Amino acid sequence: MRAVVIDAVRAQPEVREVPEPVAPPGGVVVRVMATGLCRSDWHGWAGHDDDIVFPHVPGHELAGVVAEVGAGVQDWRIGDRVTVPFVCACGRCEWCRAGNGQVCPDQQQPGFTHWGSFAGLVALHAADTNLVALPEPVDFATAASLGCRFATAFRALAGRARVTEGEWVTVVGAGGVGLSAVMIARALGARVIAVDRNPQALAVASAVGAEHVVPAGNGDVPAAVTELTGGGSHVAVDAVGSEQTCADAILSLRRRGRHVQVGLLPPVDGHPRVPMARVIGWELDVLGSHGMAAADYPAMMALIADGLLEPQRLIERTVGLAEAATLLPAFDRATVAGMTMIDPAR
């Protein structure tokens, strides 16, 4: 099969022929119909993930059709239309039994712990725990967009921050996950402020529900948010993952506010620095959010089915494998506003 292969940290990705995967016990092989190009893939390419062994095939947010079923799988058949969370839980441990597969200590992650979905086929583990059936009206590109960015944003706001109607939510970063967060926060009844350095991204944020937009890099973001909200946001989300964006989000909160860290923070001088004096002095909650378990998908799917959430509006373009290989090394500097999807057949 054709796949995007990375031979070493920061090496130029190449499209080449590689062996097809085999379904693991309890797992399946999925024929990939669409997969997302995500900043997390860039972090893997840049060497920020110790789970990756090179040569490597990235890709972790996908949708497709079951092509092979491994021994012991009960619920899935060849031909089923499916998507999957980027965290594939084991289904056996205490966290999985409690419905928190997104923090399973024995998790597998396509595109990180093993070869991923920038390919014609991908192997997935613990299928009965992790696969999510696709309703017929949901196309593959839309379904793939749910697997990391949209589902992560949904859990960050609905599950971790527990956003309520009328609260102010500041979203720092209007890329794929940030725009998802804007749309979801608005659907939950919040008043939303979007922060980004890209005017095009801010325009999209306004179109999908942001009440105010604040340009980053042109002034004091926390001061602007504090003025707009009359004292700071109730909830802030760092959807980028840098010292500056993390600090801007935390410092934009009002007292007793909740910060959700979604963007991965690469190490700086050993550890990323966070404004902990403010966290302590104002009794802020700092929450991590790491994807969403398959068991939690129904609530999100119901809002999509009702038309209250429209993730397909956030897909800006679809590219083939060759263009994806070119785009990946520069993805941290991408200026696109929205999600870039990959069609492995192209």
C-alpha atoms as a PDB file:
ATOM      1  CA  MET A   1       0.000   0.000   0.000  1.00  0.00           C
ATOM      2  CA  ARG A   2       1.018   3.655  -0.389  1.00  0.00           C
ATOM      3  CA  ALA A   3       1.881   5.546   2.776  1.00  0.00           C
ATOM      4  CA  VAL A   4       3.642   8.687   3.971  1.00  0.00           C
ATOM      5  CA  VAL A   5       6.855   7.505   5.658  1.00  0.00           C
ATOM      6  CA  ILE A   6       9.181   9.514   7.931  1.00  0.00           C
ATOM      7  CA  ASP A   7      12.628   7.937   8.268  1.00  0.00           C
ATOM      8  CA  ALA A   8      13.978  10.075  11.127  1.00  0.00           C
ATOM      9  CA  VAL A   9      13.171  13.081  13.297  1.00  0.00           C
ATOM     10  CA  ARG A  10      12.542  16.103  11.037  1.00  0.00           C
ATOM     11  CA  ALA A  11      13.352  14.114   7.885  1.00  0.00           C
ATOM     12  CA  GLN A  12      11.397  14.989   4.761  1.00  0.00           C
ATOM     13  CA  PRO A  13       8.336  12.688   4.614  1.00  0.00           C
ATOM     14  CA  GLU A  14       8.090  10.537   1.481  1.00  0.00           C
ATOM     15  CA  VAL A  15       5.269   8.610  -0.159  1.00  0.00           C
ATOM     16  CA  ARG A  16       6.302   5.031  -0.838  1.00  0.00           C
ATOM     17  CA  GLU A  17       5.026   1.477  -0.998  1.00  0.00           C
ATOM     18  CA  VAL A  18       5.040  -0.358   2.367  1.00  0.00           C
ATOM     19  CA  PRO A  19       3.647  -3.729   3.544  1.00  0.00           C
ATOM     20  CA  GLU A  20      -0.036  -3.871   4.412  1.00  0.00           C
ATOM     21  CA  PRO A  21      -0.864  -4.201   8.130  1.00  0.00           C
ATOM     22  CA  VAL A  22      -2.412  -7.310   9.680  1.00  0.00           C
ATOM     23  CA  ALA A  23      -5.338  -7.158  12.099  1.00  0.00           C
ATOM     24  CA  PRO A  24      -4.097  -7.721  15.683  1.00  0.00           C
ATOM     25  CA  PRO A  25      -6.019 -10.054  18.018  1.00  0.00           C
ATOM     26  CA  GLY A  26      -9.131  -8.167  19.106  1.00  0.00           C
ATOM     27  CA  GLY A  27      -8.490  -5.509  16.470  1.00  0.00           C
ATOM     28  CA  VAL A  28      -9.226  -4.674  12.856  1.00  0.00           C
ATOM     29  CA  VAL A  29      -7.653  -3.235   9.749  1.00  0.00           C
ATOM     30  CA  VAL A  30      -9.505  -0.216   8.358  1.00  0.00           C
ATOM     31  CA  ARG A  31      -9.302   0.963   4.770  1.00  0.00           C
ATOM     32  CA  VAL A  32      -8.698   4.688   5.238  1.00  0.00           C
ATOM     33  CA  MET A  33     -11.104   6.893   3.305  1.00  0.00           C
ATOM     34  CA  ALA A  34     -10.085  10.160   4.972  1.00  0.00           C
ATOM     35  CA  THR A  35      -7.635  11.267   7.644  1.00  0.00           C
ATOM     36  CA  GLY A  36      -6.705  14.608   9.163  1.00  0.00           C
ATOM     37  CA  LEU A  37      -3.454  16.552   9.059  1.00  0.00           C
ATOM     38  CA  CYS A  38      -3.010  17.863  12.588  1.00  0.00           C
ATOM     39  CA  ARG A  39      -0.496  19.848  14.637  1.00  0.00           C
ATOM     40  CA  SER A  40      -0.018  16.717  16.758  1.00  0.00           C
ATOM     41  CA  ASP A  41       1.339  14.999  13.637  1.00  0.00           C
ATOM     42  CA  TRP A  42       3.832  17.838  13.334  1.00  0.00           C
ATOM     43  CA  HIS A  43       4.906  17.333  16.965  1.00  0.00           C
ATOM     44  CA  GLY A  44       5.597  13.681  16.162  1.00  0.00           C
ATOM     45  CA  TRP A  45       7.596  14.610  13.068  1.00  0.00           C
ATOM     46  CA  ALA A  46       9.573  17.158  15.126  1.00  0.00           C
ATOM     47  CA  GLY A  47      10.613  14.555  17.703  1.00  0.00           C
ATOM     48  CA  HIS A  48       8.392  15.652  20.596  1.00  0.00           C
ATOM     49  CA  ASP A  49       6.859  12.194  21.172  1.00  0.00           C
ATOM     50  CA  ASP A  50       8.982   9.454  22.716  1.00  0.00           C
ATOM     51  CA  ASP A  51       6.571   6.696  21.633  1.00  0.00           C
ATOM     52  CA  ILE A  52       7.480   7.075  17.958  1.00  0.00           C
ATOM     53  CA  VAL A  53       9.999   4.675  16.462  1.00  0.00           C
ATOM     54  CA  PHE A  54      11.356   5.551  13.021  1.00  0.00           C
ATOM     55  CA  PRO A  55      10.776   4.822  10.207  1.00  0.00           C
ATOM     56  CA  HIS A  56       7.205   5.843  10.937  1.00  0.00           C
ATOM     57  CA  VAL A  57       3.820   6.446   9.288  1.00  0.00           C
ATOM     58  CA  PRO A  58       1.896   9.296  10.978  1.00  0.00           C
ATOM     59  CA  GLY A  59      -1.846   9.917  11.126  1.00  0.00           C
ATOM     60  CA  HIS A  60      -4.273   9.517  14.029  1.00  0.00           C
ATOM     61  CA  GLU A  61      -7.688  10.962  13.089  1.00  0.00           C
ATOM     62  CA  LEU A  62      -9.383   8.796  10.511  1.00  0.00           C
ATOM     63  CA  ALA A  63     -12.519   7.304   9.077  1.00  0.00           C
ATOM     64  CA  GLY A  64     -12.967   4.387   6.730  1.00  0.00           C
ATOM     65  CA  VAL A  65     -14.318   0.904   6.162  1.00  0.00           C
ATOM     66  CA  VAL A  66     -13.393  -2.259   8.062  1.00  0.00           C
ATOM     67  CA  ALA A  67     -11.245  -4.365   5.707  1.00  0.00           C
ATOM     68  CA  GLU A  68     -10.108  -7.190   8.019  1.00  0.00           C
ATOM     69  CA  VAL A  69     -11.340  -8.443  11.395  1.00  0.00           C
ATOM     70  CA  GLY A  70      -8.970  -9.987  13.937  1.00  0.00           C
ATOM     71  CA  ALA A  71      -9.580 -12.944  16.210  1.00  0.00           C
ATOM     72  CA  GLY A  72     -11.958 -12.267  19.097  1.00  0.00           C
ATOM     73  CA  VAL A  73     -13.768  -9.230  17.647  1.00  0.00           C
ATOM     74  CA  GLN A  74     -17.500  -9.502  18.333  1.00  0.00           C
ATOM     75  CA  ASP A  75     -19.173  -6.284  17.180  1.00  0.00           C
ATOM     76  CA  TRP A  76     -17.680  -5.458  13.774  1.00  0.00           C
ATOM     77  CA  ARG A  77     -17.767  -6.922  10.292  1.00  0.00           C
ATOM     78  CA  ILE A  78     -15.954  -6.279   7.010  1.00  0.00           C
ATOM     79  CA  GLY A  79     -17.599  -3.350   5.264  1.00  0.00           C
ATOM     80  CA  ASP A  80     -18.692  -1.467   8.410  1.00  0.00           C
ATOM     81  CA  ARG A  81     -18.234   2.312   8.199  1.00  0.00           C
ATOM     82  CA  VAL A  82     -16.283   3.473  11.247  1.00  0.00           C
ATOM     83  CA  THR A  83     -14.228   6.137  12.933  1.00  0.00           C
ATOM     84  CA  VAL A  84     -12.139   5.886  16.090  1.00  0.00           C
ATOM     85  CA  PRO A  85     -10.763   8.133  18.859  1.00  0.00           C
ATOM     86  CA  PHE A  86      -7.049   8.802  18.542  1.00  0.00           C
ATOM     87  CA  VAL A  87      -6.608   7.110  21.937  1.00  0.00           C
ATOM     88  CA  CYS A  88      -7.363   3.418  21.483  1.00  0.00           C
ATOM     89  CA  ALA A  89      -8.053   2.144  24.999  1.00  0.00           C
ATOM     90  CA  CYS A  90      -7.356  -1.391  26.183  1.00  0.00           C
ATOM     91  CA  GLY A  91     -10.931  -1.953  27.408  1.00  0.00           C
ATOM     92  CA  ARG A  92      -9.747  -3.960  30.433  1.00  0.00           C
ATOM     93  CA  CYS A  93      -8.250  -1.620  33.044  1.00  0.00           C
ATOM     94  CA  GLU A  94     -10.032   0.308  35.808  1.00  0.00           C
ATOM     95  CA  TRP A  95      -9.987   3.542  33.815  1.00  0.00           C
ATOM     96  CA  CYS A  96     -11.585   1.875  30.810  1.00  0.00           C
ATOM     97  CA  ARG A  97     -14.201   0.171  32.990  1.00  0.00           C
ATOM     98  CA  ALA A  98     -15.060   3.607  34.412  1.00  0.00           C
ATOM     99  CA  GLY A  99     -15.518   5.040  30.914  1.00  0.00           C
ATOM    100  CA  ASN A 100     -12.251   6.993  30.888  1.00  0.00           C
ATOM    101  CA  GLY A 101     -10.449   5.208  28.086  1.00  0.00           C
ATOM    102  CA  GLN A 102      -8.807   8.464  27.010  1.00  0.00           C
ATOM    103  CA  VAL A 103      -6.373   8.085  29.942  1.00  0.00           C
ATOM    104  CA  CYS A 104      -5.923   4.301  29.669  1.00  0.00           C
ATOM    105  CA  PRO A 105      -2.358   3.428  30.776  1.00  0.00           C
ATOM    106  CA  ASP A 106      -2.223   0.640  28.170  1.00  0.00           C
ATOM    107  CA  GLN A 107      -3.534   2.767  25.311  1.00  0.00           C
ATOM    108  CA  GLN A 108      -2.438   2.536  21.713  1.00  0.00           C
ATOM    109  CA  GLN A 109      -2.419   5.560  19.405  1.00  0.00           C
ATOM    110  CA  PRO A 110      -2.281   5.134  15.630  1.00  0.00           C
ATOM    111  CA  GLY A 111       0.350   7.452  14.262  1.00  0.00           C
ATOM    112  CA  PHE A 112       2.294   7.457  17.542  1.00  0.00           C
ATOM    113  CA  THR A 113       2.612   4.063  19.251  1.00  0.00           C
ATOM    114  CA  HIS A 114       2.314   2.301  15.887  1.00  0.00           C
ATOM    115  CA  TRP A 115       1.938   3.180  12.211  1.00  0.00           C
ATOM    116  CA  GLY A 116      -0.980   5.446  11.502  1.00  0.00           C
ATOM    117  CA  SER A 117      -3.502   6.526   8.915  1.00  0.00           C
ATOM    118  CA  PHE A 118      -1.436   8.462   6.349  1.00  0.00           C
ATOM    119  CA  ALA A 119      -1.815   5.277   4.338  1.00  0.00           C
ATOM    120  CA  GLY A 120      -4.295   3.134   2.477  1.00  0.00           C
ATOM    121  CA  LEU A 121      -4.820   0.834   5.482  1.00  0.00           C
ATOM    122  CA  VAL A 122      -4.329   1.134   9.251  1.00  0.00           C
ATOM    123  CA  ALA A 123      -4.424  -1.430  12.066  1.00  0.00           C
ATOM    124  CA  LEU A 124      -6.503  -0.556  15.144  1.00  0.00           C
ATOM    125  CA  HIS A 125      -6.515  -2.268  18.527  1.00  0.00           C
ATOM    126  CA  ALA A 126      -9.361  -3.326  20.846  1.00  0.00           C
ATOM    127  CA  ALA A 127     -12.014  -2.778  18.195  1.00  0.00           C
ATOM    128  CA  ASP A 128     -15.010  -3.600  20.399  1.00  0.00           C
ATOM    129  CA  THR A 129     -13.914  -0.859  22.817  1.00  0.00           C
ATOM    130  CA  ASN A 130     -12.784   1.804  20.372  1.00  0.00           C
ATOM    131  CA  LEU A 131     -14.609   1.742  17.054  1.00  0.00           C
ATOM    132  CA  VAL A 132     -17.524   4.122  16.508  1.00  0.00           C
ATOM    133  CA  ALA A 133     -20.146   3.358  13.857  1.00  0.00           C
ATOM    134  CA  LEU A 134     -20.803   6.106  11.327  1.00  0.00           C
ATOM    135  CA  PRO A 135     -24.385   7.097  10.565  1.00  0.00           C
ATOM    136  CA  GLU A 136     -24.973   7.068   6.810  1.00  0.00           C
ATOM    137  CA  PRO A 137     -25.482  10.856   6.544  1.00  0.00           C
ATOM    138  CA  VAL A 138     -21.981  11.509   7.984  1.00  0.00           C
ATOM    139  CA  ASP A 139     -19.359  11.484   5.238  1.00  0.00           C
ATOM    140  CA  PHE A 140     -15.839  10.149   5.775  1.00  0.00           C
ATOM    141  CA  ALA A 141     -14.075  13.524   5.823  1.00  0.00           C
ATOM    142  CA  THR A 142     -16.454  14.894   8.466  1.00  0.00           C
ATOM    143  CA  ALA A 143     -16.086  11.712  10.525  1.00  0.00           C
ATOM    144  CA  ALA A 144     -12.285  11.856  10.347  1.00  0.00           C
ATOM    145  CA  SER A 145     -12.357  15.452  11.582  1.00  0.00           C
ATOM    146  CA  LEU A 146     -14.007  14.257  14.809  1.00  0.00           C
ATOM    147  CA  GLY A 147     -11.245  11.861  15.825  1.00  0.00           C
ATOM    148  CA  CYS A 148      -8.810  14.296  17.407  1.00  0.00           C
ATOM    149  CA  ARG A 149      -9.538  17.992  17.082  1.00  0.00           C
ATOM    150  CA  PHE A 150     -13.322  18.082  17.350  1.00  0.00           C
ATOM    151  CA  ALA A 151     -13.697  15.312  19.948  1.00  0.00           C
ATOM    152  CA  THR A 152     -10.842  16.769  22.001  1.00  0.00           C
ATOM    153  CA  ALA A 153     -12.481  20.193  21.961  1.00  0.00           C
ATOM    154  CA  PHE A 154     -15.860  18.697  22.871  1.00  0.00           C
ATOM    155  CA  ARG A 155     -14.496  16.875  25.898  1.00  0.00           C
ATOM    156  CA  ALA A 156     -12.368  19.878  26.922  1.00  0.00           C
ATOM    157  CA  LEU A 157     -15.446  22.099  27.135  1.00  0.00           C
ATOM    158  CA  ALA A 158     -18.302  19.739  27.970  1.00  0.00           C
ATOM    159  CA  GLY A 159     -16.456  17.131  30.033  1.00  0.00           C
ATOM    160  CA  ARG A 160     -13.513  18.927  31.642  1.00  0.00           C
ATOM    161  CA  ALA A 161     -14.451  22.622  31.956  1.00  0.00           C
ATOM    162  CA  ARG A 162     -18.194  21.823  32.135  1.00  0.00           C
ATOM    163  CA  VAL A 163     -19.109  25.030  30.362  1.00  0.00           C
ATOM    164  CA  THR A 164     -22.575  26.352  31.204  1.00  0.00           C
ATOM    165  CA  GLU A 165     -24.877  28.719  29.352  1.00  0.00           C
ATOM    166  CA  GLY A 166     -23.913  32.368  29.555  1.00  0.00           C
ATOM    167  CA  GLU A 167     -20.296  31.854  30.597  1.00  0.00           C
ATOM    168  CA  TRP A 168     -17.446  33.588  28.810  1.00  0.00           C
ATOM    169  CA  VAL A 169     -15.033  31.231  27.029  1.00  0.00           C
ATOM    170  CA  THR A 170     -11.751  32.434  25.532  1.00  0.00           C
ATOM    171  CA  VAL A 171     -10.182  30.179  22.902  1.00  0.00           C
ATOM    172  CA  VAL A 172      -6.536  30.924  22.161  1.00  0.00           C
ATOM    173  CA  GLY A 173      -5.671  29.588  18.708  1.00  0.00           C
ATOM    174  CA  ALA A 174      -8.149  29.352  15.832  1.00  0.00           C
ATOM    175  CA  GLY A 175      -6.798  26.325  14.002  1.00  0.00           C
ATOM    176  CA  GLY A 176      -8.651  23.027  13.727  1.00  0.00           C
ATOM    177  CA  VAL A 177      -9.085  22.361  17.448  1.00  0.00           C
ATOM    178  CA  GLY A 178      -9.583  26.028  18.301  1.00  0.00           C
ATOM    179  CA  LEU A 179     -12.314  26.569  15.721  1.00  0.00           C
ATOM    180  CA  SER A 180     -13.936  23.346  16.918  1.00  0.00           C
ATOM    181  CA  ALA A 181     -13.851  24.751  20.454  1.00  0.00           C
ATOM    182  CA  VAL A 182     -15.436  28.012  19.292  1.00  0.00           C
ATOM    183  CA  MET A 183     -18.289  26.163  17.577  1.00  0.00           C
ATOM    184  CA  ILE A 184     -18.837  23.799  20.519  1.00  0.00           C
ATOM    185  CA  ALA A 185     -18.713  26.520  23.174  1.00  0.00           C
ATOM    186  CA  ARG A 186     -21.318  28.514  21.267  1.00  0.00           C
ATOM    187  CA  ALA A 187     -23.528  25.420  20.925  1.00  0.00           C
ATOM    188  CA  LEU A 188     -23.296  24.991  24.720  1.00  0.00           C
ATOM    189  CA  GLY A 189     -24.634  28.523  25.159  1.00  0.00           C
ATOM    190  CA  ALA A 190     -21.363  30.268  26.033  1.00  0.00           C
ATOM    191  CA  ARG A 191     -20.183  33.696  24.871  1.00  0.00           C
ATOM    192  CA  VAL A 192     -16.955  33.161  22.969  1.00  0.00           C
ATOM    193  CA  ILE A 193     -13.790  35.164  22.357  1.00  0.00           C
ATOM    194  CA  ALA A 194     -11.291  33.814  19.805  1.00  0.00           C
ATOM    195  CA  VAL A 195      -7.607  34.801  19.797  1.00  0.00           C
ATOM    196  CA  ASP A 196      -5.258  34.213  16.868  1.00  0.00           C
ATOM    197  CA  ARG A 197      -2.546  35.966  14.863  1.00  0.00           C
ATOM    198  CA  ASN A 198      -4.168  35.067  11.532  1.00  0.00           C
ATOM    199  CA  PRO A 199      -6.943  37.458  10.362  1.00  0.00           C
ATOM    200  CA  GLN A 200      -8.408  34.738   8.124  1.00  0.00           C
ATOM    201  CA  ALA A 201      -8.693  32.358  11.080  1.00  0.00           C
ATOM    202  CA  LEU A 202     -10.374  35.053  13.155  1.00  0.00           C
ATOM    203  CA  ALA A 203     -12.885  35.649  10.360  1.00  0.00           C
ATOM    204  CA  VAL A 204     -13.766  31.952  10.366  1.00  0.00           C
ATOM    205  CA  ALA A 205     -14.026  32.014  14.165  1.00  0.00           C
ATOM    206  CA  SER A 206     -16.559  34.834  13.904  1.00  0.00           C
ATOM    207  CA  ALA A 207     -18.514  32.891  11.302  1.00  0.00           C
ATOM    208  CA  VAL A 208     -18.800  29.803  13.536  1.00  0.00           C
ATOM    209  CA  GLY A 209     -19.784  31.569  16.736  1.00  0.00           C
ATOM    210  CA  ALA A 210     -17.162  33.895  18.254  1.00  0.00           C
ATOM    211  CA  GLU A 211     -18.767  37.041  19.672  1.00  0.00           C
ATOM    212  CA  HIS A 212     -15.428  38.863  19.744  1.00  0.00           C
ATOM    213  CA  VAL A 213     -12.029  38.246  18.157  1.00  0.00           C
ATOM    214  CA  VAL A 214      -8.677  39.469  19.491  1.00  0.00           C
ATOM    215  CA  PRO A 215      -5.577  39.603  17.268  1.00  0.00           C
ATOM    216  CA  ALA A 216      -2.572  37.972  18.936  1.00  0.00           C
ATOM    217  CA  GLY A 217       0.791  39.676  18.804  1.00  0.00           C
ATOM    218  CA  ASN A 218      -0.605  43.208  18.532  1.00  0.00           C
ATOM    219  CA  GLY A 219      -0.996  43.980  22.216  1.00  0.00           C
ATOM    220  CA  ASP A 220      -1.935  42.626  25.609  1.00  0.00           C
ATOM    221  CA  VAL A 221      -4.327  39.721  24.978  1.00  0.00           C
ATOM    222  CA  PRO A 222      -5.312  39.194  28.661  1.00  0.00           C
ATOM    223  CA  ALA A 223      -6.056  42.907  29.075  1.00  0.00           C
ATOM    224  CA  ALA A 224      -8.245  42.898  25.967  1.00  0.00           C
ATOM    225  CA  VAL A 225     -10.163  39.842  27.177  1.00  0.00           C
ATOM    226  CA  THR A 226     -10.569  41.287  30.671  1.00  0.00           C
ATOM    227  CA  GLU A 227     -12.069  44.463  29.223  1.00  0.00           C
ATOM    228  CA  LEU A 228     -14.434  42.608  26.876  1.00  0.00           C
ATOM    229  CA  THR A 229     -15.699  40.299  29.624  1.00  0.00           C
ATOM    230  CA  GLY A 230     -15.801  42.702  32.548  1.00  0.00           C
ATOM    231  CA  GLY A 231     -13.207  40.879  34.591  1.00  0.00           C
ATOM    232  CA  GLY A 232     -11.985  37.890  32.619  1.00  0.00           C
ATOM    233  CA  SER A 233     -13.344  34.688  31.148  1.00  0.00           C
ATOM    234  CA  HIS A 234     -14.856  31.864  33.151  1.00  0.00           C
ATOM    235  CA  VAL A 235     -13.076  29.350  30.918  1.00  0.00           C
ATOM    236  CA  ALA A 236      -9.977  29.603  28.742  1.00  0.00           C
ATOM    237  CA  VAL A 237      -8.597  27.058  26.296  1.00  0.00           C
ATOM    238  CA  ASP A 238      -5.064  26.980  24.917  1.00  0.00           C
ATOM    239  CA  ALA A 239      -5.582  25.274  21.581  1.00  0.00           C
ATOM    240  CA  VAL A 240      -2.038  25.969  20.332  1.00  0.00           C
ATOM    241  CA  GLY A 241       0.498  24.807  22.884  1.00  0.00           C
ATOM    242  CA  SER A 242       3.248  27.353  23.596  1.00  0.00           C
ATOM    243  CA  GLU A 243       4.419  29.276  26.625  1.00  0.00           C
ATOM    244  CA  GLN A 244       2.878  32.451  25.246  1.00  0.00           C
ATOM    245  CA  THR A 245      -0.510  30.991  24.353  1.00  0.00           C
ATOM    246  CA  CYS A 246      -0.745  29.075  27.637  1.00  0.00           C
ATOM    247  CA  ALA A 247       0.094  32.222  29.615  1.00  0.00           C
ATOM    248  CA  ASP A 248      -2.324  34.375  27.591  1.00  0.00           C
ATOM    249  CA  ALA A 249      -5.127  31.886  28.254  1.00  0.00           C
ATOM    250  CA  ILE A 250      -4.477  31.599  31.999  1.00  0.00           C
ATOM    251  CA  LEU A 251      -4.034  35.347  32.460  1.00  0.00           C
ATOM    252  CA  SER A 252      -7.312  35.961  30.590  1.00  0.00           C
ATOM    253  CA  LEU A 253      -9.306  34.186  33.323  1.00  0.00           C
ATOM    254  CA  ARG A 254     -11.299  35.780  36.108  1.00  0.00           C
ATOM    255  CA  ARG A 255     -10.776  34.636  39.681  1.00  0.00           C
ATOM    256  CA  ARG A 256     -11.773  30.964  40.224  1.00  0.00           C
ATOM    257  CA  GLY A 257     -11.720  30.446  36.449  1.00  0.00           C
ATOM    258  CA  ARG A 258     -10.960  27.179  34.626  1.00  0.00           C
ATOM    259  CA  HIS A 259      -8.126  26.744  32.168  1.00  0.00           C
ATOM    260  CA  VAL A 260      -8.040  23.751  29.792  1.00  0.00           C
ATOM    261  CA  GLN A 261      -4.726  22.864  28.160  1.00  0.00           C
ATOM    262  CA  VAL A 262      -5.349  21.138  24.838  1.00  0.00           C
ATOM    263  CA  GLY A 263      -2.341  22.174  22.738  1.00  0.00           C
ATOM    264  CA  LEU A 264       0.798  20.125  23.376  1.00  0.00           C
ATOM    265  CA  LEU A 265       3.511  22.132  25.123  1.00  0.00           C
ATOM    266  CA  PRO A 266       6.975  21.273  23.781  1.00  0.00           C
ATOM    267  CA  PRO A 267       9.738  21.469  26.400  1.00  0.00           C
ATOM    268  CA  VAL A 268      11.487  24.806  26.839  1.00  0.00           C
ATOM    269  CA  ASP A 269      14.681  24.723  28.941  1.00  0.00           C
ATOM    270  CA  GLY A 270      13.545  21.346  30.227  1.00  0.00           C
ATOM    271  CA  HIS A 271       9.945  22.233  31.119  1.00  0.00           C
ATOM    272  CA  PRO A 272       7.316  24.656  29.802  1.00  0.00           C
ATOM    273  CA  ARG A 273       6.761  27.621  32.133  1.00  0.00           C
ATOM    274  CA  VAL A 274       3.233  28.345  33.358  1.00  0.00           C
ATOM    275  CA  PRO A 275       2.128  31.447  35.362  1.00  0.00           C
ATOM    276  CA  MET A 276       1.560  29.439  38.558  1.00  0.00           C
ATOM    277  CA  ALA A 277       1.532  32.486  40.832  1.00  0.00           C
ATOM    278  CA  ARG A 278      -1.738  33.545  39.188  1.00  0.00           C
ATOM    279  CA  VAL A 279      -3.063  29.984  39.356  1.00  0.00           C
ATOM    280  CA  ILE A 280      -2.442  29.871  43.114  1.00  0.00           C
ATOM    281  CA  GLY A 281      -3.431  33.433  43.977  1.00  0.00           C
ATOM    282  CA  TRP A 282      -6.708  33.376  42.048  1.00  0.00           C
ATOM    283  CA  GLU A 283      -7.507  29.717  42.753  1.00  0.00           C
ATOM    284  CA  LEU A 284      -7.672  28.809  39.089  1.00  0.00           C
ATOM    285  CA  ASP A 285      -8.367  25.273  37.942  1.00  0.00           C
ATOM    286  CA  VAL A 286      -5.837  23.977  35.402  1.00  0.00           C
ATOM    287  CA  LEU A 287      -7.238  21.014  33.500  1.00  0.00           C
ATOM    288  CA  GLY A 288      -5.645  18.730  30.962  1.00  0.00           C
ATOM    289  CA  SER A 289      -7.741  17.274  28.173  1.00  0.00           C
ATOM    290  CA  HIS A 290      -6.575  14.254  26.212  1.00  0.00           C
ATOM    291  CA  GLY A 291      -9.050  13.274  23.560  1.00  0.00           C
ATOM    292  CA  MET A 292     -12.376  11.561  24.227  1.00  0.00           C
ATOM    293  CA  ALA A 293     -13.294   7.915  24.737  1.00  0.00           C
ATOM    294  CA  ALA A 294     -15.514   6.162  22.215  1.00  0.00           C
ATOM    295  CA  ALA A 295     -18.120   5.738  24.969  1.00  0.00           C
ATOM    296  CA  ASP A 296     -18.601   9.525  25.054  1.00  0.00           C
ATOM    297  CA  TYR A 297     -19.171   9.943  21.312  1.00  0.00           C
ATOM    298  CA  PRO A 298     -22.992   9.561  21.389  1.00  0.00           C
ATOM    299  CA  ALA A 299     -23.590  12.971  23.020  1.00  0.00           C
ATOM    300  CA  MET A 300     -21.443  14.679  20.397  1.00  0.00           C
ATOM    301  CA  MET A 301     -22.972  12.675  17.547  1.00  0.00           C
ATOM    302  CA  ALA A 302     -26.462  13.643  18.750  1.00  0.00           C
ATOM    303  CA  LEU A 303     -25.639  17.358  18.502  1.00  0.00           C
ATOM    304  CA  ILE A 304     -24.234  16.782  15.008  1.00  0.00           C
ATOM    305  CA  ALA A 305     -27.332  14.850  13.967  1.00  0.00           C
ATOM    306  CA  ASP A 306     -29.544  17.665  15.301  1.00  0.00           C
ATOM    307  CA  GLY A 307     -27.568  20.235  13.299  1.00  0.00           C
ATOM    308  CA  LEU A 308     -26.385  22.098  16.415  1.00  0.00           C
ATOM    309  CA  LEU A 309     -22.797  21.201  15.557  1.00  0.00           C
ATOM    310  CA  GLU A 310     -21.533  21.312  11.972  1.00  0.00           C
ATOM    311  CA  PRO A 311     -17.923  20.063  11.943  1.00  0.00           C
ATOM    312  CA  GLN A 312     -17.983  19.844   8.146  1.00  0.00           C
ATOM    313  CA  ARG A 313     -17.940  23.672   8.036  1.00  0.00           C
ATOM    314  CA  LEU A 314     -14.408  23.585   9.449  1.00  0.00           C
ATOM    315  CA  ILE A 315     -12.904  21.475   6.651  1.00  0.00           C
ATOM    316  CA  GLU A 316     -11.052  23.918   4.440  1.00  0.00           C
ATOM    317  CA  ARG A 317      -9.482  21.553   1.912  1.00  0.00           C
ATOM    318  CA  THR A 318      -8.678  17.959   1.056  1.00  0.00           C
ATOM    319  CA  VAL A 319      -5.269  16.919  -0.302  1.00  0.00           C
ATOM    320  CA  GLY A 320      -3.597  13.689  -1.418  1.00  0.00           C
ATOM    321  CA  LEU A 321      -0.729  11.833   0.236  1.00  0.00           C
ATOM    322  CA  ALA A 322       1.988  13.563  -1.795  1.00  0.00           C
ATOM    323  CA  GLU A 323       0.814  17.046  -0.821  1.00  0.00           C
ATOM    324  CA  ALA A 324       0.403  15.927   2.796  1.00  0.00           C
ATOM    325  CA  ALA A 325       4.053  14.835   2.834  1.00  0.00           C
ATOM    326  CA  THR A 326       5.026  18.312   1.690  1.00  0.00           C
ATOM    327  CA  LEU A 327       2.754  20.133   4.135  1.00  0.00           C
ATOM    328  CA  LEU A 328       3.632  18.235   7.317  1.00  0.00           C
ATOM    329  CA  PRO A 329       7.097  19.741   8.072  1.00  0.00           C
ATOM    330  CA  ALA A 330       5.711  23.288   7.852  1.00  0.00           C
ATOM    331  CA  PHE A 331       2.427  22.648   9.618  1.00  0.00           C
ATOM    332  CA  ASP A 332       3.403  24.597  12.751  1.00  0.00           C
ATOM    333  CA  ARG A 333       3.631  27.675  10.495  1.00  0.00           C
ATOM    334  CA  ALA A 334       0.468  26.933   8.515  1.00  0.00           C
ATOM    335  CA  THR A 335      -1.818  29.888   7.858  1.00  0.00           C
ATOM    336  CA  VAL A 336      -4.875  27.880   6.782  1.00  0.00           C
ATOM    337  CA  ALA A 337      -8.000  28.545   8.818  1.00  0.00           C
ATOM    338  CA  GLY A 338      -9.647  25.202   9.415  1.00  0.00           C
ATOM    339  CA  MET A 339      -8.954  21.523   8.998  1.00  0.00           C
ATOM    340  CA  THR A 340      -6.849  19.968   6.274  1.00  0.00           C
ATOM    341  CA  MET A 341      -8.015  16.463   5.368  1.00  0.00           C
ATOM    342  CA  ILE A 342      -6.146  13.771   3.423  1.00  0.00           C
ATOM    343  CA  ASP A 343      -7.665  11.372   0.909  1.00  0.00           C
ATOM    344  CA  PRO A 344      -5.184   8.437   0.705  1.00  0.00           C
ATOM    345  CA  ALA A 345      -6.610   7.400  -2.660  1.00  0.00           C
ATOM    346  CA  ARG A 346      -5.384  10.647  -4.247  1.00  0.00           C
END
